[in-house]
Amino acid sequence: MKEELFVSGRNIPNIDPYLHLWHWEIPLYLFLGGLSAGILFFAGYFYVMRKERDMSATIKLAPLFVPFFLVIGLGALFLDLHHKLYFWQLYTTIRFESPMSWGAWTLMAVTPLSILWAFSYLRDVFPNLKWPYAWLDKLEEILKKYRKAMAWVLMMLSIILGVYTGILLSAFNARPLWNTSILGPLFLVSGFSTGLAFTILLSKSKYERKVLTRIDLIFIFTELFFIIHMLMGLQAGTQVSLEAAGLFLGGEFTVTFWVFVVILGLAFPATLEVLELRGYHVPGWIPSALILIGGLVFRFVILEAGQITRYLY
Protein backbone atom coordinates (compact mmCIF):
# COMPACT_ATOMS: atom_id res chain seq x y z
CA MET A 1 0.00 0.00 0.00
CA LYS A 2 1.29 3.44 -0.95
CA GLU A 3 1.16 6.08 1.77
CA GLU A 4 1.15 9.83 1.13
CA LEU A 5 1.65 12.56 3.70
CA PHE A 6 -0.35 15.76 3.13
CA VAL A 7 0.90 18.81 5.00
CA SER A 8 -1.82 21.04 3.60
CA GLY A 9 -5.53 20.68 3.11
CA ARG A 10 -5.36 22.33 -0.30
CA ASN A 11 -3.79 21.61 -3.68
CA ILE A 12 -4.18 17.84 -3.26
CA PRO A 13 -3.88 16.07 -6.66
CA ASN A 14 -7.10 14.46 -7.90
CA ILE A 15 -9.04 15.99 -4.97
CA ASP A 16 -8.98 19.75 -5.39
CA PRO A 17 -10.51 20.92 -8.67
CA TYR A 18 -8.13 21.78 -11.46
CA LEU A 19 -8.84 23.80 -14.58
CA HIS A 20 -8.45 21.53 -17.58
CA LEU A 21 -5.40 22.75 -19.47
CA TRP A 22 -6.22 24.75 -22.56
CA HIS A 23 -3.81 24.13 -25.39
CA TRP A 24 -3.08 25.88 -28.68
CA GLU A 25 -6.70 25.85 -29.87
CA ILE A 26 -7.95 28.51 -27.44
CA PRO A 27 -5.25 31.21 -27.96
CA LEU A 28 -5.49 30.68 -31.73
CA TYR A 29 -9.26 31.13 -31.54
CA LEU A 30 -8.92 34.28 -29.42
CA PHE A 31 -6.28 35.69 -31.78
CA LEU A 32 -8.34 35.11 -34.93
CA GLY A 33 -11.46 36.47 -33.22
CA GLY A 34 -9.69 39.69 -32.26
CA LEU A 35 -8.06 39.97 -35.69
CA SER A 36 -11.44 39.57 -37.40
CA ALA A 37 -13.01 42.13 -35.07
CA GLY A 38 -10.33 44.68 -35.95
CA ILE A 39 -10.71 44.15 -39.70
CA LEU A 40 -14.51 44.36 -39.63
CA PHE A 41 -14.65 47.42 -37.39
CA PHE A 42 -12.48 49.58 -39.61
CA ALA A 43 -14.13 48.27 -42.77
CA GLY A 44 -17.47 49.44 -41.42
CA TYR A 45 -16.07 52.67 -39.98
CA PHE A 46 -14.40 53.91 -43.14
CA TYR A 47 -17.41 52.91 -45.24
CA VAL A 48 -19.67 55.02 -43.02
CA MET A 49 -17.11 57.83 -43.32
CA ARG A 50 -17.47 57.55 -47.13
CA LYS A 51 -13.84 56.58 -47.72
CA GLU A 52 -14.60 53.69 -50.05
CA ARG A 53 -12.28 54.92 -52.79
CA ASP A 54 -9.40 55.99 -50.57
CA MET A 55 -9.50 52.96 -48.24
CA SER A 56 -10.01 50.15 -50.73
CA ALA A 57 -7.97 47.50 -48.92
CA THR A 58 -9.66 48.31 -45.61
CA ILE A 59 -13.22 48.16 -46.90
CA LYS A 60 -13.02 45.68 -49.76
CA LEU A 61 -9.94 43.45 -49.63
CA ALA A 62 -9.17 42.69 -45.98
CA PRO A 63 -12.76 41.66 -45.10
CA LEU A 64 -12.54 38.88 -47.72
CA PHE A 65 -10.26 37.01 -45.31
CA VAL A 66 -12.51 37.38 -42.28
CA PRO A 67 -14.89 34.47 -43.01
CA PHE A 68 -11.88 32.16 -43.33
CA PHE A 69 -10.36 33.48 -40.10
CA LEU A 70 -13.63 32.96 -38.24
CA VAL A 71 -14.14 29.45 -39.63
CA ILE A 72 -10.57 28.47 -38.69
CA GLY A 73 -11.03 29.97 -35.21
CA LEU A 74 -14.34 28.17 -34.69
CA GLY A 75 -12.74 24.97 -35.97
CA ALA A 76 -9.98 25.32 -33.37
CA LEU A 77 -12.59 25.93 -30.68
CA PHE A 78 -14.53 22.87 -31.84
CA LEU A 79 -11.39 20.72 -31.58
CA ASP A 80 -10.99 21.77 -27.94
CA LEU A 81 -14.52 20.70 -27.00
CA HIS A 82 -14.85 17.43 -25.13
CA HIS A 83 -18.51 16.87 -26.01
CA LYS A 84 -18.41 17.94 -29.64
CA LEU A 85 -21.85 16.60 -30.53
CA TYR A 86 -23.54 18.92 -28.04
CA PHE A 87 -22.11 22.30 -29.09
CA TRP A 88 -25.52 23.25 -30.50
CA GLN A 89 -26.92 23.47 -26.98
CA LEU A 90 -25.21 26.86 -26.63
CA TYR A 91 -27.86 28.14 -29.03
CA THR A 92 -30.86 26.82 -27.12
CA THR A 93 -30.71 29.60 -24.54
CA ILE A 94 -29.43 33.13 -23.95
CA ARG A 95 -27.70 33.92 -20.65
CA PHE A 96 -26.84 37.60 -20.36
CA GLU A 97 -24.56 36.90 -17.39
CA SER A 98 -22.52 34.33 -19.35
CA PRO A 99 -19.57 35.49 -21.52
CA MET A 100 -19.72 32.16 -23.32
CA SER A 101 -23.32 32.82 -24.34
CA TRP A 102 -22.44 36.33 -25.53
CA GLY A 103 -19.58 34.95 -27.59
CA ALA A 104 -21.61 32.13 -29.12
CA TRP A 105 -24.43 34.40 -30.26
CA THR A 106 -22.09 37.15 -31.43
CA LEU A 107 -20.19 34.68 -33.59
CA MET A 108 -23.50 33.31 -34.87
CA ALA A 109 -24.38 36.81 -36.08
CA VAL A 110 -21.02 38.15 -37.23
CA THR A 111 -19.94 35.11 -39.29
CA PRO A 112 -22.78 35.15 -41.86
CA LEU A 113 -22.77 38.96 -41.93
CA SER A 114 -19.03 38.99 -42.71
CA ILE A 115 -19.68 36.55 -45.55
CA LEU A 116 -22.39 38.80 -46.99
CA TRP A 117 -20.13 41.87 -46.70
CA ALA A 118 -17.29 40.06 -48.47
CA PHE A 119 -19.68 38.75 -51.13
CA SER A 120 -20.91 42.26 -51.92
CA TYR A 121 -17.32 43.32 -52.77
CA LEU A 122 -16.08 40.23 -54.59
CA ARG A 123 -16.57 41.72 -58.05
CA ASP A 124 -14.92 44.95 -56.95
CA VAL A 125 -11.79 42.99 -56.05
CA PHE A 126 -12.11 40.54 -58.97
CA PRO A 127 -13.60 42.57 -61.89
CA ASN A 128 -13.69 39.60 -64.27
CA LEU A 129 -15.76 37.47 -61.91
CA LYS A 130 -19.16 36.40 -63.26
CA TRP A 131 -21.89 34.74 -61.25
CA PRO A 132 -23.18 31.44 -62.68
CA TYR A 133 -26.74 32.14 -61.50
CA ALA A 134 -28.95 35.18 -61.94
CA TRP A 135 -30.12 35.14 -58.32
CA LEU A 136 -26.56 35.82 -57.19
CA ASP A 137 -26.58 39.06 -59.19
CA LYS A 138 -29.85 40.03 -57.51
CA LEU A 139 -28.42 39.20 -54.08
CA GLU A 140 -25.38 41.35 -54.79
CA GLU A 141 -27.54 44.31 -55.77
CA ILE A 142 -29.63 43.97 -52.62
CA LEU A 143 -26.53 43.81 -50.42
CA LYS A 144 -25.09 46.93 -52.04
CA LYS A 145 -28.21 48.86 -51.02
CA TYR A 146 -27.85 47.82 -47.40
CA ARG A 147 -24.09 48.23 -47.00
CA LYS A 148 -24.43 51.19 -44.65
CA ALA A 149 -26.75 49.26 -42.34
CA MET A 150 -24.40 46.28 -42.45
CA ALA A 151 -21.46 48.56 -41.66
CA TRP A 152 -23.11 49.87 -38.48
CA VAL A 153 -24.04 46.37 -37.34
CA LEU A 154 -20.55 45.07 -38.10
CA MET A 155 -18.95 47.84 -36.03
CA MET A 156 -21.20 47.07 -33.07
CA LEU A 157 -20.65 43.30 -33.29
CA SER A 158 -16.90 43.66 -33.79
CA ILE A 159 -16.60 45.66 -30.55
CA ILE A 160 -18.56 42.98 -28.69
CA LEU A 161 -16.44 40.25 -30.29
CA GLY A 162 -13.17 42.00 -29.44
CA VAL A 163 -14.12 42.65 -25.82
CA TYR A 164 -15.56 39.16 -25.40
CA THR A 165 -12.21 37.51 -26.13
CA GLY A 166 -10.86 39.14 -22.97
CA ILE A 167 -13.98 38.94 -20.81
CA LEU A 168 -14.12 35.21 -21.50
CA LEU A 169 -10.94 34.89 -19.43
CA SER A 170 -11.68 37.55 -16.82
CA ALA A 171 -14.84 35.67 -15.83
CA PHE A 172 -12.63 32.97 -14.25
CA ASN A 173 -12.55 34.33 -10.71
CA ALA A 174 -10.31 31.49 -9.53
CA ARG A 175 -7.47 32.60 -11.83
CA PRO A 176 -5.84 35.76 -10.36
CA LEU A 177 -4.08 36.75 -13.59
CA TRP A 178 -7.30 36.64 -15.59
CA ASN A 179 -9.61 38.05 -12.94
CA THR A 180 -9.11 41.72 -13.87
CA SER A 181 -11.49 44.11 -15.60
CA ILE A 182 -8.69 45.47 -17.80
CA LEU A 183 -8.47 42.22 -19.78
CA GLY A 184 -11.54 42.98 -21.94
CA PRO A 185 -10.34 46.42 -23.14
CA LEU A 186 -6.78 45.07 -23.48
CA PHE A 187 -7.86 42.26 -25.81
CA LEU A 188 -10.11 44.67 -27.75
CA VAL A 189 -7.27 47.12 -28.36
CA SER A 190 -4.85 44.31 -29.22
CA GLY A 191 -7.33 42.79 -31.68
CA PHE A 192 -7.95 46.12 -33.38
CA SER A 193 -4.19 46.68 -33.66
CA THR A 194 -3.68 43.29 -35.33
CA GLY A 195 -6.58 44.03 -37.67
CA LEU A 196 -4.94 47.29 -38.71
CA ALA A 197 -1.57 45.55 -39.15
CA PHE A 198 -3.11 42.90 -41.39
CA THR A 199 -4.84 45.53 -43.52
CA ILE A 200 -1.61 47.52 -43.84
CA LEU A 201 0.08 44.38 -45.18
CA LEU A 202 -2.52 44.17 -47.95
CA SER A 203 -2.73 47.83 -48.86
CA LYS A 204 -0.83 49.27 -51.82
CA SER A 205 -2.01 52.85 -51.28
CA LYS A 206 0.45 55.20 -49.54
CA TYR A 207 -2.43 57.34 -48.29
CA GLU A 208 -4.28 54.37 -46.85
CA ARG A 209 -1.18 52.95 -45.20
CA LYS A 210 -0.39 56.35 -43.66
CA VAL A 211 -3.89 56.72 -42.21
CA LEU A 212 -3.92 53.19 -40.80
CA THR A 213 -0.41 53.54 -39.39
CA ARG A 214 -1.37 56.66 -37.47
CA ILE A 215 -4.39 54.90 -35.99
CA ASP A 216 -2.33 51.82 -35.20
CA LEU A 217 0.16 53.91 -33.20
CA ILE A 218 -2.68 55.10 -30.98
CA PHE A 219 -3.75 51.50 -30.34
CA ILE A 220 -0.19 50.35 -29.67
CA PHE A 221 0.41 53.04 -27.04
CA THR A 222 -3.02 52.31 -25.54
CA GLU A 223 -2.19 48.62 -25.37
CA LEU A 224 1.12 49.38 -23.63
CA PHE A 225 -0.74 51.55 -21.14
CA PHE A 226 -3.25 48.76 -20.42
CA ILE A 227 -0.44 46.22 -19.95
CA ILE A 228 1.31 48.49 -17.44
CA HIS A 229 -2.02 49.14 -15.73
CA MET A 230 -2.69 45.39 -15.50
CA LEU A 231 0.69 44.70 -13.90
CA MET A 232 0.33 47.64 -11.50
CA GLY A 233 -3.10 46.36 -10.46
CA LEU A 234 -1.70 42.90 -9.79
CA GLN A 235 1.22 44.37 -7.85
CA ALA A 236 -1.22 46.27 -5.63
CA GLY A 237 -3.32 43.20 -4.92
CA THR A 238 -3.19 40.20 -2.64
CA GLN A 239 -0.43 37.61 -2.40
CA VAL A 240 -1.85 35.53 -5.25
CA SER A 241 -1.97 38.65 -7.43
CA LEU A 242 1.64 39.39 -6.60
CA GLU A 243 2.55 35.84 -7.59
CA ALA A 244 0.65 36.28 -10.87
CA ALA A 245 2.54 39.50 -11.64
CA GLY A 246 5.76 37.76 -10.70
CA LEU A 247 5.37 35.42 -13.66
CA PHE A 248 6.17 38.44 -15.88
CA LEU A 249 8.50 40.25 -13.48
CA GLY A 250 11.29 37.76 -13.06
CA GLY A 251 9.27 34.56 -13.42
CA GLU A 252 9.19 31.94 -16.14
CA PHE A 253 7.27 34.10 -18.67
CA THR A 254 9.43 37.21 -18.25
CA VAL A 255 11.60 36.79 -21.36
CA THR A 256 8.76 35.62 -23.61
CA PHE A 257 6.44 38.41 -22.51
CA TRP A 258 8.83 41.37 -22.51
CA VAL A 259 10.92 40.39 -25.54
CA PHE A 260 8.35 38.92 -27.93
CA VAL A 261 5.22 40.82 -26.86
CA VAL A 262 6.25 44.21 -25.43
CA ILE A 263 9.51 44.91 -27.29
CA LEU A 264 9.26 43.06 -30.63
CA GLY A 265 5.45 43.04 -30.77
CA LEU A 266 4.71 46.61 -29.69
CA ALA A 267 7.61 48.98 -28.95
CA PHE A 268 9.79 48.11 -31.96
CA PRO A 269 6.92 48.17 -34.51
CA ALA A 270 5.77 51.50 -33.05
CA THR A 271 9.27 52.91 -33.50
CA LEU A 272 9.37 51.71 -37.11
CA GLU A 273 5.94 53.21 -37.80
CA VAL A 274 7.02 56.58 -36.37
CA LEU A 275 10.12 56.52 -38.59
CA GLU A 276 7.99 55.63 -41.60
CA LEU A 277 5.61 58.54 -40.94
CA ARG A 278 8.61 60.87 -40.67
CA GLY A 279 9.74 59.91 -44.16
CA TYR A 280 12.33 57.22 -43.49
CA HIS A 281 12.26 54.17 -45.73
CA VAL A 282 10.99 51.24 -43.69
CA PRO A 283 9.77 48.00 -45.32
CA GLY A 284 6.06 48.18 -44.52
CA TRP A 285 5.62 44.49 -43.88
CA ILE A 286 8.09 44.38 -40.96
CA PRO A 287 6.12 46.33 -38.30
CA SER A 288 2.84 44.73 -39.41
CA ALA A 289 4.26 41.21 -39.25
CA LEU A 290 5.78 41.88 -35.83
CA ILE A 291 2.46 43.19 -34.49
CA LEU A 292 0.64 40.08 -35.73
CA ILE A 293 3.24 37.74 -34.24
CA GLY A 294 3.27 39.71 -30.99
CA GLY A 295 -0.53 39.57 -30.77
CA LEU A 296 -0.50 35.80 -31.21
CA VAL A 297 2.30 35.28 -28.66
CA PHE A 298 0.49 37.58 -26.22
CA ARG A 299 -2.56 35.33 -26.20
CA PHE A 300 -0.48 32.18 -25.79
CA VAL A 301 1.39 33.74 -22.86
CA ILE A 302 -1.76 35.00 -21.12
CA LEU A 303 -3.46 31.61 -21.56
CA GLU A 304 -0.51 29.61 -20.28
CA ALA A 305 0.37 31.93 -17.40
CA GLY A 306 -3.25 32.33 -16.32
CA GLN A 307 -3.74 28.60 -15.89
CA ILE A 308 -0.77 28.46 -13.52
CA THR A 309 -2.08 31.17 -11.19
CA ARG A 310 -4.54 30.00 -8.55
CA TYR A 311 -5.83 30.54 -5.05
CA LEU A 312 -4.56 28.31 -2.24
CA TYR A 313 -6.06 28.60 1.22
Foldseek 3Di string as FASTA:
>chain_A
DDDDDDPAPPPDPPPDDADDADDLLLLLLLLLLLLLLLLLQQLLVVVLVVCCPVQVLSNAPLLLCNLVSNVSSVVSVLVPDPCNVCPCVLVVDADPVALVNLQVVLSVPQNVLSVLSNLLRVCVVVVPDDDPDPVSVVSSVVSVVCSNVSSVVSNVSSLSSQLSSLVNQLVPPFQLLSVDPLRSVLSNLLSSLLNLLVSLVVDPRPSNNLVSLVVSLVSLVVNVVSVVVSLVVLCPDDPLSVVLSCCCVVRPCVCVCCPLAVVQQRVVLSVLSVCVNVPDDDPSNRSSVSVSRNSSSVSVSSSVSRSVRGDDD
